[in-house]
Amino acid sequence: KKRILVSQKRANRNKSIRSGVKTAIKK
C-alpha cells in the first residue's frame, strides 16, 4: 500500500516537472 502511495506521489511530481519543461520550451 505504501509503495502505491509513494509511486503515485513520484509520478505526479515527475509529471509536473515534465509539464514545466514543455511550457518553458513552448515559451
PDB file of all heavy atoms in Angstrom:
ATOM      1  N   LYS A   1       0.842  -1.206   0.000  1.00  0.00           N
ATOM      2  CA  LYS A   1       0.000   0.000   0.000  1.00  0.00           C
ATOM      3  C   LYS A   1       0.873   1.250   0.000  1.00  0.00           C
ATOM      4  O   LYS A   1       0.601   2.215  -0.714  1.00  0.00           O
ATOM      5  CB  LYS A   1      -0.918   0.008   1.225  1.00  0.00           C
ATOM      6  CG  LYS A   1      -2.016  -1.019   1.185  1.00  0.00           C
ATOM      7  CD  LYS A   1      -2.854  -0.956   2.443  1.00  0.00           C
ATOM      8  CE  LYS A   1      -3.920  -2.040   2.432  1.00  0.00           C
ATOM      9  NZ  LYS A   1      -4.703  -2.051   3.677  1.00  0.00           N
ATOM     10  N   LYS A   2       1.943   1.210   0.803  1.00  0.00           N
ATOM     11  CA  LYS A   2       2.848   2.348   0.862  1.00  0.00           C
ATOM     12  C   LYS A   2       3.535   2.557  -0.484  1.00  0.00           C
ATOM     13  O   LYS A   2       3.700   3.688  -0.943  1.00  0.00           O
ATOM     14  CB  LYS A   2       3.895   2.141   1.953  1.00  0.00           C
ATOM     15  CG  LYS A   2       4.841   3.325   2.073  1.00  0.00           C
ATOM     16  CD  LYS A   2       5.843   3.163   3.173  1.00  0.00           C
ATOM     17  CE  LYS A   2       6.775   4.363   3.176  1.00  0.00           C
ATOM     18  NZ  LYS A   2       7.794   4.263   4.223  1.00  0.00           N
ATOM     19  N   ARG A   3       3.980   1.471  -1.128  1.00  0.00           N
ATOM     20  CA  ARG A   3       4.636   1.585  -2.426  1.00  0.00           C
ATOM     21  C   ARG A   3       3.711   2.254  -3.436  1.00  0.00           C
ATOM     22  O   ARG A   3       4.154   3.071  -4.252  1.00  0.00           O
ATOM     23  CB  ARG A   3       5.059   0.208  -2.959  1.00  0.00           C
ATOM     24  CG  ARG A   3       6.146  -0.503  -2.210  1.00  0.00           C
ATOM     25  CD  ARG A   3       7.428   0.265  -1.986  1.00  0.00           C
ATOM     26  NE  ARG A   3       7.864   1.048  -3.119  1.00  0.00           N
ATOM     27  CZ  ARG A   3       8.658   2.103  -3.044  1.00  0.00           C
ATOM     28  NH1 ARG A   3       9.105   2.531  -1.887  1.00  0.00           N
ATOM     29  NH2 ARG A   3       9.003   2.762  -4.117  1.00  0.00           N
ATOM     30  N   ILE A   4       2.427   1.896  -3.401  1.00  0.00           N
ATOM     31  CA  ILE A   4       1.458   2.506  -4.326  1.00  0.00           C
ATOM     32  C   ILE A   4       1.389   4.012  -4.089  1.00  0.00           C
ATOM     33  O   ILE A   4       1.431   4.812  -5.039  1.00  0.00           O
ATOM     34  CB  ILE A   4       0.073   1.848  -4.170  1.00  0.00           C
ATOM     35  CG1 ILE A   4       0.108   0.414  -4.700  1.00  0.00           C
ATOM     36  CG2 ILE A   4      -1.005   2.658  -4.883  1.00  0.00           C
ATOM     37  CD1 ILE A   4      -1.119  -0.400  -4.366  1.00  0.00           C
ATOM     38  N   LEU A   5       1.301   4.407  -2.823  1.00  0.00           N
ATOM     39  CA  LEU A   5       1.217   5.836  -2.498  1.00  0.00           C
ATOM     40  C   LEU A   5       2.484   6.574  -2.918  1.00  0.00           C
ATOM     41  O   LEU A   5       2.419   7.666  -3.492  1.00  0.00           O
ATOM     42  CB  LEU A   5       0.990   6.025  -0.994  1.00  0.00           C
ATOM     43  CG  LEU A   5      -0.356   5.566  -0.453  1.00  0.00           C
ATOM     44  CD1 LEU A   5      -0.383   5.710   1.065  1.00  0.00           C
ATOM     45  CD2 LEU A   5      -1.487   6.352  -1.084  1.00  0.00           C
ATOM     46  N   VAL A   6       3.632   5.986  -2.641  1.00  0.00           N
ATOM     47  CA  VAL A   6       4.902   6.634  -2.969  1.00  0.00           C
ATOM     48  C   VAL A   6       5.065   6.761  -4.481  1.00  0.00           C
ATOM     49  O   VAL A   6       5.489   7.808  -4.987  1.00  0.00           O
ATOM     50  CB  VAL A   6       6.079   5.859  -2.343  1.00  0.00           C
ATOM     51  CG1 VAL A   6       7.411   6.357  -2.868  1.00  0.00           C
ATOM     52  CG2 VAL A   6       6.027   5.965  -0.835  1.00  0.00           C
ATOM     53  N   SER A   7       4.712   5.704  -5.211  1.00  0.00           N
ATOM     54  CA  SER A   7       4.874   5.760  -6.668  1.00  0.00           C
ATOM     55  C   SER A   7       3.910   6.774  -7.283  1.00  0.00           C
ATOM     56  O   SER A   7       4.261   7.443  -8.258  1.00  0.00           O
ATOM     57  CB  SER A   7       4.693   4.376  -7.295  1.00  0.00           C
ATOM     58  OG  SER A   7       3.387   3.916  -7.094  1.00  0.00           O
ATOM     59  N   GLN A   8       2.710   6.911  -6.718  1.00  0.00           N
ATOM     60  CA  GLN A   8       1.777   7.931  -7.215  1.00  0.00           C
ATOM     61  C   GLN A   8       2.329   9.325  -6.967  1.00  0.00           C
ATOM     62  O   GLN A   8       2.259  10.197  -7.844  1.00  0.00           O
ATOM     63  CB  GLN A   8       0.414   7.802  -6.523  1.00  0.00           C
ATOM     64  CG  GLN A   8      -0.438   6.678  -7.036  1.00  0.00           C
ATOM     65  CD  GLN A   8      -1.732   6.553  -6.269  1.00  0.00           C
ATOM     66  OE1 GLN A   8      -1.869   7.051  -5.145  1.00  0.00           O
ATOM     67  NE2 GLN A   8      -2.704   5.866  -6.853  1.00  0.00           N
ATOM     68  N   LYS A   9       2.900   9.521  -5.783  1.00  0.00           N
ATOM     69  CA  LYS A   9       3.464  10.833  -5.449  1.00  0.00           C
ATOM     70  C   LYS A   9       4.611  11.181  -6.402  1.00  0.00           C
ATOM     71  O   LYS A   9       4.709  12.301  -6.909  1.00  0.00           O
ATOM     72  CB  LYS A   9       3.968  10.820  -4.011  1.00  0.00           C
ATOM     73  CG  LYS A   9       4.431  12.178  -3.509  1.00  0.00           C
ATOM     74  CD  LYS A   9       5.070  12.089  -2.141  1.00  0.00           C
ATOM     75  CE  LYS A   9       4.072  11.779  -1.059  1.00  0.00           C
ATOM     76  NZ  LYS A   9       4.675  11.829   0.294  1.00  0.00           N
ATOM     77  N   ARG A  10       5.479  10.197  -6.663  1.00  0.00           N
ATOM     78  CA  ARG A  10       6.597  10.431  -7.570  1.00  0.00           C
ATOM     79  C   ARG A  10       6.125  10.669  -8.999  1.00  0.00           C
ATOM     80  O   ARG A  10       6.662  11.530  -9.695  1.00  0.00           O
ATOM     81  CB  ARG A  10       7.551   9.240  -7.559  1.00  0.00           C
ATOM     82  CG  ARG A  10       8.412   9.176  -6.328  1.00  0.00           C
ATOM     83  CD  ARG A  10       9.416   8.063  -6.441  1.00  0.00           C
ATOM     84  NE  ARG A  10      10.342   8.121  -5.324  1.00  0.00           N
ATOM     85  CZ  ARG A  10      11.397   7.337  -5.203  1.00  0.00           C
ATOM     86  NH1 ARG A  10      11.647   6.431  -6.123  1.00  0.00           N
ATOM     87  NH2 ARG A  10      12.193   7.447  -4.177  1.00  0.00           N
ATOM     88  N   ALA A  11       5.126   9.908  -9.426  1.00  0.00           N
ATOM     89  CA  ALA A  11       4.604  10.077 -10.784  1.00  0.00           C
ATOM     90  C   ALA A  11       4.019  11.478 -10.955  1.00  0.00           C
ATOM     91  O   ALA A  11       4.209  12.122 -11.986  1.00  0.00           O
ATOM     92  CB  ALA A  11       3.554   9.019 -11.088  1.00  0.00           C
ATOM     93  N   ASN A  12       3.312  11.956  -9.940  1.00  0.00           N
ATOM     94  CA  ASN A  12       2.735  13.303 -10.003  1.00  0.00           C
ATOM     95  C   ASN A  12       3.824  14.365 -10.041  1.00  0.00           C
ATOM     96  O   ASN A  12       3.727  15.342 -10.787  1.00  0.00           O
ATOM     97  CB  ASN A  12       1.805  13.543  -8.815  1.00  0.00           C
ATOM     98  CG  ASN A  12       0.524  12.760  -8.928  1.00  0.00           C
ATOM     99  OD1 ASN A  12       0.118  12.350 -10.015  1.00  0.00           O
ATOM    100  ND2 ASN A  12      -0.126  12.500  -7.804  1.00  0.00           N
ATOM    101  N   ARG A  13       4.888  14.166  -9.250  1.00  0.00           N
ATOM    102  CA  ARG A  13       5.993  15.126  -9.256  1.00  0.00           C
ATOM    103  C   ARG A  13       6.680  15.131 -10.617  1.00  0.00           C
ATOM    104  O   ARG A  13       6.947  16.192 -11.187  1.00  0.00           O
ATOM    105  CB  ARG A  13       7.001  14.770  -8.174  1.00  0.00           C
ATOM    106  CG  ARG A  13       8.054  15.850  -7.956  1.00  0.00           C
ATOM    107  CD  ARG A  13       9.239  15.341  -7.212  1.00  0.00           C
ATOM    108  NE  ARG A  13      10.080  14.595  -8.143  1.00  0.00           N
ATOM    109  CZ  ARG A  13      11.066  13.791  -7.781  1.00  0.00           C
ATOM    110  NH1 ARG A  13      11.313  13.581  -6.531  1.00  0.00           N
ATOM    111  NH2 ARG A  13      11.793  13.175  -8.702  1.00  0.00           N
ATOM    112  N   ASN A  14       6.924  13.945 -11.165  1.00  0.00           N
ATOM    113  CA  ASN A  14       7.578  13.845 -12.463  1.00  0.00           C
ATOM    114  C   ASN A  14       6.726  14.481 -13.550  1.00  0.00           C
ATOM    115  O   ASN A  14       7.241  15.173 -14.429  1.00  0.00           O
ATOM    116  CB  ASN A  14       7.863  12.382 -12.812  1.00  0.00           C
ATOM    117  CG  ASN A  14       8.920  11.770 -11.929  1.00  0.00           C
ATOM    118  OD1 ASN A  14       9.604  12.467 -11.185  1.00  0.00           O
ATOM    119  ND2 ASN A  14       9.036  10.466 -11.982  1.00  0.00           N
ATOM    120  N   LYS A  15       5.415  14.251 -13.494  1.00  0.00           N
ATOM    121  CA  LYS A  15       4.503  14.813 -14.487  1.00  0.00           C
ATOM    122  C   LYS A  15       4.527  16.332 -14.430  1.00  0.00           C
ATOM    123  O   LYS A  15       4.543  17.016 -15.457  1.00  0.00           O
ATOM    124  CB  LYS A  15       3.087  14.293 -14.237  1.00  0.00           C
ATOM    125  CG  LYS A  15       2.134  14.509 -15.386  1.00  0.00           C
ATOM    126  CD  LYS A  15       0.755  13.949 -15.062  1.00  0.00           C
ATOM    127  CE  LYS A  15       0.785  12.444 -14.917  1.00  0.00           C
ATOM    128  NZ  LYS A  15      -0.554  11.873 -14.699  1.00  0.00           N
ATOM    129  N   SER A  16       4.553  16.866 -13.228  1.00  0.00           N
ATOM    130  CA  SER A  16       4.585  18.315 -13.039  1.00  0.00           C
ATOM    131  C   SER A  16       5.868  18.918 -13.617  1.00  0.00           C
ATOM    132  O   SER A  16       5.836  19.953 -14.298  1.00  0.00           O
ATOM    133  CB  SER A  16       4.480  18.627 -11.549  1.00  0.00           C
ATOM    134  OG  SER A  16       4.710  19.981 -11.309  1.00  0.00           O
ATOM    135  N   ILE A  17       6.983  18.268 -13.356  1.00  0.00           N
ATOM    136  CA  ILE A  17       8.266  18.795 -13.846  1.00  0.00           C
ATOM    137  C   ILE A  17       8.343  18.685 -15.362  1.00  0.00           C
ATOM    138  O   ILE A  17       8.805  19.607 -16.040  1.00  0.00           O
ATOM    139  CB  ILE A  17       9.433  18.066 -13.156  1.00  0.00           C
ATOM    140  CG1 ILE A  17       9.440  18.427 -11.659  1.00  0.00           C
ATOM    141  CG2 ILE A  17      10.761  18.429 -13.782  1.00  0.00           C
ATOM    142  CD1 ILE A  17      10.419  17.660 -10.821  1.00  0.00           C
ATOM    143  N   ARG A  18       7.882  17.560 -15.935  1.00  0.00           N
ATOM    144  CA  ARG A  18       7.857  17.407 -17.389  1.00  0.00           C
ATOM    145  C   ARG A  18       6.991  18.498 -18.029  1.00  0.00           C
ATOM    146  O   ARG A  18       7.343  19.067 -19.057  1.00  0.00           O
ATOM    147  CB  ARG A  18       7.273  16.052 -17.791  1.00  0.00           C
ATOM    148  CG  ARG A  18       8.237  14.925 -17.735  1.00  0.00           C
ATOM    149  CD  ARG A  18       7.568  13.673 -18.278  1.00  0.00           C
ATOM    150  NE  ARG A  18       8.226  12.470 -17.823  1.00  0.00           N
ATOM    151  CZ  ARG A  18       9.258  11.912 -18.447  1.00  0.00           C
ATOM    152  NH1 ARG A  18       9.737  12.442 -19.539  1.00  0.00           N
ATOM    153  NH2 ARG A  18       9.808  10.819 -17.960  1.00  0.00           N
ATOM    154  N   SER A  19       5.856  18.779 -17.410  1.00  0.00           N
ATOM    155  CA  SER A  19       4.959  19.815 -17.919  1.00  0.00           C
ATOM    156  C   SER A  19       5.651  21.181 -17.897  1.00  0.00           C
ATOM    157  O   SER A  19       5.521  21.975 -18.838  1.00  0.00           O
ATOM    158  CB  SER A  19       3.686  19.844 -17.072  1.00  0.00           C
ATOM    159  OG  SER A  19       2.846  20.878 -17.486  1.00  0.00           O
ATOM    160  N   GLY A  20       6.394  21.449 -16.834  1.00  0.00           N
ATOM    161  CA  GLY A  20       7.131  22.709 -16.734  1.00  0.00           C
ATOM    162  C   GLY A  20       8.181  22.848 -17.829  1.00  0.00           C
ATOM    163  O   GLY A  20       8.376  23.932 -18.378  1.00  0.00           O
ATOM    164  N   VAL A  21       8.843  21.739 -18.150  1.00  0.00           N
ATOM    165  CA  VAL A  21       9.842  21.755 -19.219  1.00  0.00           C
ATOM    166  C   VAL A  21       9.171  22.057 -20.558  1.00  0.00           C
ATOM    167  O   VAL A  21       9.655  22.881 -21.340  1.00  0.00           O
ATOM    168  CB  VAL A  21      10.611  20.416 -19.283  1.00  0.00           C
ATOM    169  CG1 VAL A  21      11.442  20.323 -20.547  1.00  0.00           C
ATOM    170  CG2 VAL A  21      11.495  20.254 -18.056  1.00  0.00           C
ATOM    171  N   LYS A  22       8.043  21.391 -20.809  1.00  0.00           N
ATOM    172  CA  LYS A  22       7.330  21.608 -22.070  1.00  0.00           C
ATOM    173  C   LYS A  22       6.872  23.061 -22.193  1.00  0.00           C
ATOM    174  O   LYS A  22       6.963  23.672 -23.258  1.00  0.00           O
ATOM    175  CB  LYS A  22       6.124  20.673 -22.166  1.00  0.00           C
ATOM    176  CG  LYS A  22       6.492  19.232 -22.394  1.00  0.00           C
ATOM    177  CD  LYS A  22       5.236  18.380 -22.442  1.00  0.00           C
ATOM    178  CE  LYS A  22       5.563  16.908 -22.507  1.00  0.00           C
ATOM    179  NZ  LYS A  22       4.356  16.075 -22.446  1.00  0.00           N
ATOM    180  N   THR A  23       6.389  23.632 -21.090  1.00  0.00           N
ATOM    181  CA  THR A  23       5.947  25.023 -21.090  1.00  0.00           C
ATOM    182  C   THR A  23       7.109  25.965 -21.388  1.00  0.00           C
ATOM    183  O   THR A  23       6.969  26.903 -22.182  1.00  0.00           O
ATOM    184  CB  THR A  23       5.323  25.376 -19.724  1.00  0.00           C
ATOM    185  OG1 THR A  23       4.242  24.484 -19.473  1.00  0.00           O
ATOM    186  CG2 THR A  23       4.816  26.806 -19.701  1.00  0.00           C
ATOM    187  N   ALA A  24       8.258  25.698 -20.769  1.00  0.00           N
ATOM    188  CA  ALA A  24       9.434  26.549 -20.988  1.00  0.00           C
ATOM    189  C   ALA A  24       9.877  26.489 -22.444  1.00  0.00           C
ATOM    190  O   ALA A  24      10.229  27.515 -23.047  1.00  0.00           O
ATOM    191  CB  ALA A  24      10.570  26.113 -20.064  1.00  0.00           C
ATOM    192  N   ILE A  25       9.830  25.287 -23.037  1.00  0.00           N
ATOM    193  CA  ILE A  25      10.216  25.129 -24.443  1.00  0.00           C
ATOM    194  C   ILE A  25       9.244  25.884 -25.346  1.00  0.00           C
ATOM    195  O   ILE A  25       9.655  26.559 -26.299  1.00  0.00           O
ATOM    196  CB  ILE A  25      10.287  23.634 -24.814  1.00  0.00           C
ATOM    197  CG1 ILE A  25      11.482  22.984 -24.120  1.00  0.00           C
ATOM    198  CG2 ILE A  25      10.367  23.437 -26.314  1.00  0.00           C
ATOM    199  CD1 ILE A  25      11.544  21.481 -24.239  1.00  0.00           C
ATOM    200  N   LYS A  26       7.951  25.797 -25.037  1.00  0.00           N
ATOM    201  CA  LYS A  26       6.950  26.500 -25.845  1.00  0.00           C
ATOM    202  C   LYS A  26       7.134  28.008 -25.775  1.00  0.00           C
ATOM    203  O   LYS A  26       6.927  28.719 -26.768  1.00  0.00           O
ATOM    204  CB  LYS A  26       5.535  26.121 -25.386  1.00  0.00           C
ATOM    205  CG  LYS A  26       5.129  24.737 -25.831  1.00  0.00           C
ATOM    206  CD  LYS A  26       3.746  24.387 -25.312  1.00  0.00           C
ATOM    207  CE  LYS A  26       3.417  22.935 -25.609  1.00  0.00           C
ATOM    208  NZ  LYS A  26       2.167  22.508 -24.970  1.00  0.00           N
ATOM    209  N   LYS A  27       7.549  28.522 -24.607  1.00  0.00           N
ATOM    210  CA  LYS A  27       7.786  29.960 -24.472  1.00  0.00           C
ATOM    211  C   LYS A  27       8.938  30.405 -25.371  1.00  0.00           C
ATOM    212  O   LYS A  27       8.861  31.447 -26.018  1.00  0.00           O
ATOM    213  CB  LYS A  27       8.085  30.318 -23.017  1.00  0.00           C
ATOM    214  CG  LYS A  27       6.864  30.314 -22.123  1.00  0.00           C
ATOM    215  CD  LYS A  27       7.207  30.693 -20.698  1.00  0.00           C
ATOM    216  CE  LYS A  27       5.982  30.627 -19.805  1.00  0.00           C
ATOM    217  NZ  LYS A  27       6.319  30.892 -18.400  1.00  0.00           N
TER     218      LYS A  27
END
